[in-house]
Amino acid sequence: MEILADQTPLPDAIDERLRSQLTFVIEVDRLKTVLRQSPLAAAPRRENDAEHSWHLAMMVVLLAEHSDEPIDVGHTIRLVLVHDLVEIYAGDTPLYSASTDQQEREEAAADRLFGLLPPDQAVAMRALWDEFEARVTPEARFAKAMDRLQPLLLNWMARGGTWKSPGVTADVVRARKAVIGEASSALWEAGQVLIDEGERRGWSRSGS
């Protein structure tokens, strides 16, 4: 797959560093085409990765006060904006899928995508992606919590959504969403209320 900028090359008169940065900016436009499984609350279609990442950034701004640990909001926003960029090449892996090669695909995608940037920014962007994946810092744990909470809200609005996928039960949903509790006891408590009520209403299957 050729990079998008090669279809209409940027003029050589543009500074080399800036050209690399603009090439990356053009390439990440592909994120708008990567469809996720989650349904939108506002329209009868699935969301794309760019919409998802924007939604997470907004959630960080609004919900940071519920973090169990102090977090740097700006840094957490950077984490959620970067975390799904690799899906431009690796594709989206649904939460309830049985994929076994996700990490391998995403590592290769990270190498390729961030390699389009000037070396210093390539290292910085890759570090953000690695931090999100490792969940060692309070910011990364909260970013991951947002990544789990947002589709939970969308599935609630869809009266089930992907909770109705084959093999998915309310207990499976609880297990996959429990990571929210690693960052925010308050948000995980609210999430469990939604899951429990969804199960009671028949929007997800009971059982493990």
C-alpha atoms as a PDB file:
ATOM      1  CA  MET A   1       0.000   0.000   0.000  1.00  0.00           C
ATOM      2  CA  GLU A   2       1.528   3.303  -1.076  1.00  0.00           C
ATOM      3  CA  ILE A   3       1.314   6.218   1.305  1.00  0.00           C
ATOM      4  CA  LEU A   4      -1.339   8.780   0.431  1.00  0.00           C
ATOM      5  CA  ALA A   5       1.124  11.631  -0.096  1.00  0.00           C
ATOM      6  CA  ASP A   6       2.733   9.695  -2.939  1.00  0.00           C
ATOM      7  CA  GLN A   7      -0.497  10.065  -4.928  1.00  0.00           C
ATOM      8  CA  THR A   8       0.039  13.835  -5.097  1.00  0.00           C
ATOM      9  CA  PRO A   9       3.612  14.427  -3.921  1.00  0.00           C
ATOM     10  CA  LEU A  10       4.348  17.486  -1.832  1.00  0.00           C
ATOM     11  CA  PRO A  11       6.639  20.008  -3.543  1.00  0.00           C
ATOM     12  CA  ASP A  12      10.372  19.652  -2.866  1.00  0.00           C
ATOM     13  CA  ALA A  13      10.450  23.347  -2.028  1.00  0.00           C
ATOM     14  CA  ILE A  14       8.844  22.556   1.325  1.00  0.00           C
ATOM     15  CA  ASP A  15      11.342  22.048   4.145  1.00  0.00           C
ATOM     16  CA  GLU A  16      12.251  18.346   4.512  1.00  0.00           C
ATOM     17  CA  ARG A  17      11.208  18.081   8.171  1.00  0.00           C
ATOM     18  CA  LEU A  18       7.909  19.810   7.523  1.00  0.00           C
ATOM     19  CA  ARG A  19       7.333  17.615   4.474  1.00  0.00           C
ATOM     20  CA  SER A  20       7.725  14.514   6.670  1.00  0.00           C
ATOM     21  CA  GLN A  21       5.290  15.923   9.215  1.00  0.00           C
ATOM     22  CA  LEU A  22       2.732  16.829   6.554  1.00  0.00           C
ATOM     23  CA  THR A  23       3.135  13.388   4.977  1.00  0.00           C
ATOM     24  CA  PHE A  24       2.220  11.859   8.329  1.00  0.00           C
ATOM     25  CA  VAL A  25      -0.738  14.241   8.738  1.00  0.00           C
ATOM     26  CA  ILE A  26      -2.027  13.207   5.312  1.00  0.00           C
ATOM     27  CA  GLU A  27      -1.496   9.505   6.034  1.00  0.00           C
ATOM     28  CA  VAL A  28      -3.457   9.530   9.290  1.00  0.00           C
ATOM     29  CA  ASP A  29      -6.470  10.746   7.326  1.00  0.00           C
ATOM     30  CA  ARG A  30      -6.888   7.004   6.716  1.00  0.00           C
ATOM     31  CA  LEU A  31      -8.083   6.682  10.329  1.00  0.00           C
ATOM     32  CA  LYS A  32     -11.408   8.143   9.217  1.00  0.00           C
ATOM     33  CA  THR A  33     -11.966   5.054   7.043  1.00  0.00           C
ATOM     34  CA  VAL A  34     -11.324   2.402   9.726  1.00  0.00           C
ATOM     35  CA  LEU A  35     -14.713   1.212  10.924  1.00  0.00           C
ATOM     36  CA  ARG A  36     -15.267  -0.079  14.439  1.00  0.00           C
ATOM     37  CA  GLN A  37     -18.031  -2.384  15.649  1.00  0.00           C
ATOM     38  CA  SER A  38     -19.589   0.178  17.986  1.00  0.00           C
ATOM     39  CA  PRO A  39     -22.807   1.818  16.775  1.00  0.00           C
ATOM     40  CA  LEU A  40     -23.155   5.588  16.908  1.00  0.00           C
ATOM     41  CA  ALA A  41     -25.693   7.013  19.332  1.00  0.00           C
ATOM     42  CA  ALA A  42     -26.626   9.789  16.895  1.00  0.00           C
ATOM     43  CA  ALA A  43     -26.953   7.928  13.573  1.00  0.00           C
ATOM     44  CA  PRO A  44     -27.724   4.410  12.279  1.00  0.00           C
ATOM     45  CA  ARG A  45     -24.145   3.483  11.388  1.00  0.00           C
ATOM     46  CA  ARG A  46     -20.903   2.318  12.983  1.00  0.00           C
ATOM     47  CA  GLU A  47     -18.327   4.789  14.216  1.00  0.00           C
ATOM     48  CA  ASN A  48     -14.880   5.091  12.707  1.00  0.00           C
ATOM     49  CA  ASP A  49     -11.561   5.215  14.556  1.00  0.00           C
ATOM     50  CA  ALA A  50     -11.131   8.971  14.159  1.00  0.00           C
ATOM     51  CA  GLU A  51     -14.540   9.606  15.706  1.00  0.00           C
ATOM     52  CA  HIS A  52     -13.698   7.187  18.500  1.00  0.00           C
ATOM     53  CA  SER A  53     -10.384   8.901  19.263  1.00  0.00           C
ATOM     54  CA  TRP A  54     -12.003  12.348  19.330  1.00  0.00           C
ATOM     55  CA  HIS A  55     -14.706  11.060  21.658  1.00  0.00           C
ATOM     56  CA  LEU A  56     -12.082   9.657  24.054  1.00  0.00           C
ATOM     57  CA  ALA A  57     -10.232  12.987  24.093  1.00  0.00           C
ATOM     58  CA  MET A  58     -13.454  14.775  25.043  1.00  0.00           C
ATOM     59  CA  MET A  59     -14.111  12.201  27.764  1.00  0.00           C
ATOM     60  CA  VAL A  60     -10.649  12.744  29.240  1.00  0.00           C
ATOM     61  CA  VAL A  61     -11.341  16.474  29.495  1.00  0.00           C
ATOM     62  CA  LEU A  62     -14.715  15.937  31.156  1.00  0.00           C
ATOM     63  CA  LEU A  63     -14.083  12.881  33.328  1.00  0.00           C
ATOM     64  CA  ALA A  64     -10.502  13.379  34.560  1.00  0.00           C
ATOM     65  CA  GLU A  65     -11.835  14.391  37.979  1.00  0.00           C
ATOM     66  CA  HIS A  66     -12.978  10.793  38.481  1.00  0.00           C
ATOM     67  CA  SER A  67      -9.487   9.325  38.164  1.00  0.00           C
ATOM     68  CA  ASP A  68      -8.361   7.573  41.344  1.00  0.00           C
ATOM     69  CA  GLU A  69      -4.896   9.070  40.813  1.00  0.00           C
ATOM     70  CA  PRO A  70      -3.889  12.571  39.683  1.00  0.00           C
ATOM     71  CA  ILE A  71      -3.323  12.656  35.930  1.00  0.00           C
ATOM     72  CA  ASP A  72      -1.861  15.085  33.421  1.00  0.00           C
ATOM     73  CA  VAL A  73      -4.914  15.760  31.241  1.00  0.00           C
ATOM     74  CA  GLY A  74      -2.903  17.000  28.251  1.00  0.00           C
ATOM     75  CA  HIS A  75      -0.681  13.936  28.262  1.00  0.00           C
ATOM     76  CA  THR A  76      -3.698  11.638  28.582  1.00  0.00           C
ATOM     77  CA  ILE A  77      -5.329  13.324  25.595  1.00  0.00           C
ATOM     78  CA  ARG A  78      -2.172  12.674  23.570  1.00  0.00           C
ATOM     79  CA  LEU A  79      -2.360   9.001  24.536  1.00  0.00           C
ATOM     80  CA  VAL A  80      -5.955   8.561  23.379  1.00  0.00           C
ATOM     81  CA  LEU A  81      -5.315  10.450  20.134  1.00  0.00           C
ATOM     82  CA  VAL A  82      -2.359   8.194  19.266  1.00  0.00           C
ATOM     83  CA  HIS A  83      -3.576   4.833  20.581  1.00  0.00           C
ATOM     84  CA  ASP A  84      -5.554   3.681  17.526  1.00  0.00           C
ATOM     85  CA  LEU A  85      -3.395   5.177  14.759  1.00  0.00           C
ATOM     86  CA  VAL A  86      -1.772   1.797  14.122  1.00  0.00           C
ATOM     87  CA  GLU A  87      -5.158   0.453  13.022  1.00  0.00           C
ATOM     88  CA  ILE A  88      -4.632   2.413   9.804  1.00  0.00           C
ATOM     89  CA  TYR A  89      -2.498  -0.548   8.707  1.00  0.00           C
ATOM     90  CA  ALA A  90      -3.401  -3.249  11.248  1.00  0.00           C
ATOM     91  CA  GLY A  91      -7.171  -2.843  11.075  1.00  0.00           C
ATOM     92  CA  ASP A  92      -9.586  -2.733  13.995  1.00  0.00           C
ATOM     93  CA  THR A  93      -9.673  -5.759  16.293  1.00  0.00           C
ATOM     94  CA  PRO A  94     -13.097  -5.948  17.961  1.00  0.00           C
ATOM     95  CA  LEU A  95     -13.024  -6.259  21.759  1.00  0.00           C
ATOM     96  CA  TYR A  96     -14.873  -9.555  21.718  1.00  0.00           C
ATOM     97  CA  SER A  97     -12.889 -11.172  18.900  1.00  0.00           C
ATOM     98  CA  ALA A  98     -10.654 -14.212  19.336  1.00  0.00           C
ATOM     99  CA  SER A  99      -7.722 -12.708  17.412  1.00  0.00           C
ATOM    100  CA  THR A 100      -4.296 -14.104  18.345  1.00  0.00           C
ATOM    101  CA  ASP A 101      -2.047 -11.933  16.162  1.00  0.00           C
ATOM    102  CA  GLN A 102      -3.234  -8.455  17.143  1.00  0.00           C
ATOM    103  CA  GLN A 103      -0.032  -7.449  18.921  1.00  0.00           C
ATOM    104  CA  GLU A 104       2.181  -8.623  16.060  1.00  0.00           C
ATOM    105  CA  ARG A 105       0.095  -6.755  13.462  1.00  0.00           C
ATOM    106  CA  GLU A 106      -0.003  -3.570  15.514  1.00  0.00           C
ATOM    107  CA  GLU A 107       3.735  -3.587  16.297  1.00  0.00           C
ATOM    108  CA  ALA A 108       4.524  -3.829  12.585  1.00  0.00           C
ATOM    109  CA  ALA A 109       2.007  -1.077  11.838  1.00  0.00           C
ATOM    110  CA  ALA A 110       3.550   1.179  14.483  1.00  0.00           C
ATOM    111  CA  ASP A 111       7.011   0.723  12.971  1.00  0.00           C
ATOM    112  CA  ARG A 112       5.750   1.648   9.530  1.00  0.00           C
ATOM    113  CA  LEU A 113       3.457   4.544  10.445  1.00  0.00           C
ATOM    114  CA  PHE A 114       5.601   6.373  12.974  1.00  0.00           C
ATOM    115  CA  GLY A 115       8.585   5.849  10.698  1.00  0.00           C
ATOM    116  CA  LEU A 116       7.088   8.466   8.363  1.00  0.00           C
ATOM    117  CA  LEU A 117       7.893  11.180  10.921  1.00  0.00           C
ATOM    118  CA  PRO A 118      11.202  12.935  11.590  1.00  0.00           C
ATOM    119  CA  PRO A 119      13.255  10.649  13.894  1.00  0.00           C
ATOM    120  CA  ASP A 120      12.675  12.631  17.105  1.00  0.00           C
ATOM    121  CA  GLN A 121       8.918  12.742  16.618  1.00  0.00           C
ATOM    122  CA  ALA A 122       8.836   9.107  15.510  1.00  0.00           C
ATOM    123  CA  VAL A 123      10.404   8.151  18.852  1.00  0.00           C
ATOM    124  CA  ALA A 124       8.036  10.397  20.803  1.00  0.00           C
ATOM    125  CA  MET A 125       4.887   9.119  19.083  1.00  0.00           C
ATOM    126  CA  ARG A 126       5.968   5.507  19.424  1.00  0.00           C
ATOM    127  CA  ALA A 127       6.628   6.111  23.128  1.00  0.00           C
ATOM    128  CA  LEU A 128       3.061   7.364  23.555  1.00  0.00           C
ATOM    129  CA  TRP A 129       1.672   4.287  21.817  1.00  0.00           C
ATOM    130  CA  ASP A 130       3.855   1.971  23.901  1.00  0.00           C
ATOM    131  CA  GLU A 131       2.839   3.772  27.098  1.00  0.00           C
ATOM    132  CA  PHE A 132      -0.852   3.320  26.309  1.00  0.00           C
ATOM    133  CA  GLU A 133      -0.356  -0.370  25.607  1.00  0.00           C
ATOM    134  CA  ALA A 134       1.677  -0.994  28.794  1.00  0.00           C
ATOM    135  CA  ARG A 135      -0.784   0.769  31.141  1.00  0.00           C
ATOM    136  CA  VAL A 136       1.962   1.427  33.704  1.00  0.00           C
ATOM    137  CA  THR A 137       1.323   5.146  34.210  1.00  0.00           C
ATOM    138  CA  PRO A 138      -1.825   6.695  35.734  1.00  0.00           C
ATOM    139  CA  GLU A 139      -2.414   8.512  32.448  1.00  0.00           C
ATOM    140  CA  ALA A 140      -2.262   5.298  30.431  1.00  0.00           C
ATOM    141  CA  ARG A 141      -4.604   3.515  32.832  1.00  0.00           C
ATOM    142  CA  PHE A 142      -7.125   6.342  32.573  1.00  0.00           C
ATOM    143  CA  ALA A 143      -6.772   6.464  28.777  1.00  0.00           C
ATOM    144  CA  LYS A 144      -7.480   2.728  28.627  1.00  0.00           C
ATOM    145  CA  ALA A 145     -10.476   3.198  30.916  1.00  0.00           C
ATOM    146  CA  MET A 146     -11.902   5.734  28.462  1.00  0.00           C
ATOM    147  CA  ASP A 147     -11.273   3.272  25.620  1.00  0.00           C
ATOM    148  CA  ARG A 148     -13.435   0.731  27.444  1.00  0.00           C
ATOM    149  CA  LEU A 149     -16.091   3.106  28.789  1.00  0.00           C
ATOM    150  CA  GLN A 150     -16.906   4.866  25.516  1.00  0.00           C
ATOM    151  CA  PRO A 151     -18.180   1.793  23.611  1.00  0.00           C
ATOM    152  CA  LEU A 152     -20.025   0.699  26.749  1.00  0.00           C
ATOM    153  CA  LEU A 153     -21.996   3.947  26.568  1.00  0.00           C
ATOM    154  CA  LEU A 154     -22.628   3.488  22.843  1.00  0.00           C
ATOM    155  CA  ASN A 155     -23.850  -0.072  23.369  1.00  0.00           C
ATOM    156  CA  TRP A 156     -26.137   1.147  26.138  1.00  0.00           C
ATOM    157  CA  MET A 157     -27.615   3.711  23.741  1.00  0.00           C
ATOM    158  CA  ALA A 158     -28.033   0.975  21.110  1.00  0.00           C
ATOM    159  CA  ARG A 159     -29.857  -1.207  23.658  1.00  0.00           C
ATOM    160  CA  GLY A 160     -27.236  -3.882  23.395  1.00  0.00           C
ATOM    161  CA  GLY A 161     -25.203  -3.293  20.249  1.00  0.00           C
ATOM    162  CA  THR A 162     -22.149  -5.540  20.265  1.00  0.00           C
ATOM    163  CA  TRP A 163     -23.291  -7.106  23.553  1.00  0.00           C
ATOM    164  CA  LYS A 164     -25.505  -9.230  21.316  1.00  0.00           C
ATOM    165  CA  SER A 165     -22.539 -10.645  19.380  1.00  0.00           C
ATOM    166  CA  PRO A 166     -22.268 -14.452  19.264  1.00  0.00           C
ATOM    167  CA  GLY A 167     -20.546 -15.827  22.349  1.00  0.00           C
ATOM    168  CA  VAL A 168     -20.823 -12.576  24.309  1.00  0.00           C
ATOM    169  CA  THR A 169     -22.608 -12.637  27.659  1.00  0.00           C
ATOM    170  CA  ALA A 170     -23.011 -10.068  30.410  1.00  0.00           C
ATOM    171  CA  ASP A 171     -20.203 -11.765  32.343  1.00  0.00           C
ATOM    172  CA  VAL A 172     -17.900 -11.549  29.328  1.00  0.00           C
ATOM    173  CA  VAL A 173     -18.709  -7.840  29.057  1.00  0.00           C
ATOM    174  CA  ARG A 174     -17.899  -7.360  32.752  1.00  0.00           C
ATOM    175  CA  ALA A 175     -14.582  -9.164  32.376  1.00  0.00           C
ATOM    176  CA  ARG A 176     -13.525  -7.107  29.328  1.00  0.00           C
ATOM    177  CA  LYS A 177     -14.599  -3.823  30.917  1.00  0.00           C
ATOM    178  CA  ALA A 178     -13.093  -4.420  34.377  1.00  0.00           C
ATOM    179  CA  VAL A 179      -9.967  -2.513  33.315  1.00  0.00           C
ATOM    180  CA  ILE A 180     -12.000   0.666  33.887  1.00  0.00           C
ATOM    181  CA  GLY A 181     -11.690  -0.048  37.590  1.00  0.00           C
ATOM    182  CA  GLU A 182      -7.888   0.099  37.395  1.00  0.00           C
ATOM    183  CA  ALA A 183      -8.195   3.854  36.819  1.00  0.00           C
ATOM    184  CA  SER A 184     -11.486   4.938  38.354  1.00  0.00           C
ATOM    185  CA  SER A 185     -13.602   3.177  40.948  1.00  0.00           C
ATOM    186  CA  ALA A 186     -16.421   5.685  40.362  1.00  0.00           C
ATOM    187  CA  LEU A 187     -16.538   5.151  36.602  1.00  0.00           C
ATOM    188  CA  TRP A 188     -16.347   1.374  36.968  1.00  0.00           C
ATOM    189  CA  GLU A 189     -19.203   1.477  39.481  1.00  0.00           C
ATOM    190  CA  ALA A 190     -21.281   3.415  36.942  1.00  0.00           C
ATOM    191  CA  GLY A 191     -20.228   1.018  34.192  1.00  0.00           C
ATOM    192  CA  GLN A 192     -21.366  -1.979  36.210  1.00  0.00           C
ATOM    193  CA  VAL A 193     -24.737  -0.340  36.786  1.00  0.00           C
ATOM    194  CA  LEU A 194     -25.161  -0.022  33.006  1.00  0.00           C
ATOM    195  CA  ILE A 195     -24.057  -3.607  32.367  1.00  0.00           C
ATOM    196  CA  ASP A 196     -26.299  -4.973  35.115  1.00  0.00           C
ATOM    197  CA  GLU A 197     -29.302  -2.999  33.913  1.00  0.00           C
ATOM    198  CA  GLY A 198     -28.641  -3.994  30.314  1.00  0.00           C
ATOM    199  CA  GLU A 199     -28.631  -7.634  31.364  1.00  0.00           C
ATOM    200  CA  ARG A 200     -31.861  -7.145  33.333  1.00  0.00           C
ATOM    201  CA  ARG A 201     -33.509  -5.622  30.260  1.00  0.00           C
ATOM    202  CA  GLY A 202     -32.388  -8.498  28.057  1.00  0.00           C
ATOM    203  CA  TRP A 203     -29.928  -6.468  26.014  1.00  0.00           C
ATOM    204  CA  SER A 204     -27.184  -9.014  26.767  1.00  0.00           C
ATOM    205  CA  ARG A 205     -27.253 -12.717  27.525  1.00  0.00           C
ATOM    206  CA  SER A 206     -26.929 -13.881  31.107  1.00  0.00           C
ATOM    207  CA  GLY A 207     -24.321 -16.451  32.084  1.00  0.00           C
ATOM    208  CA  SER A 208     -20.548 -16.704  31.787  1.00  0.00           C
END
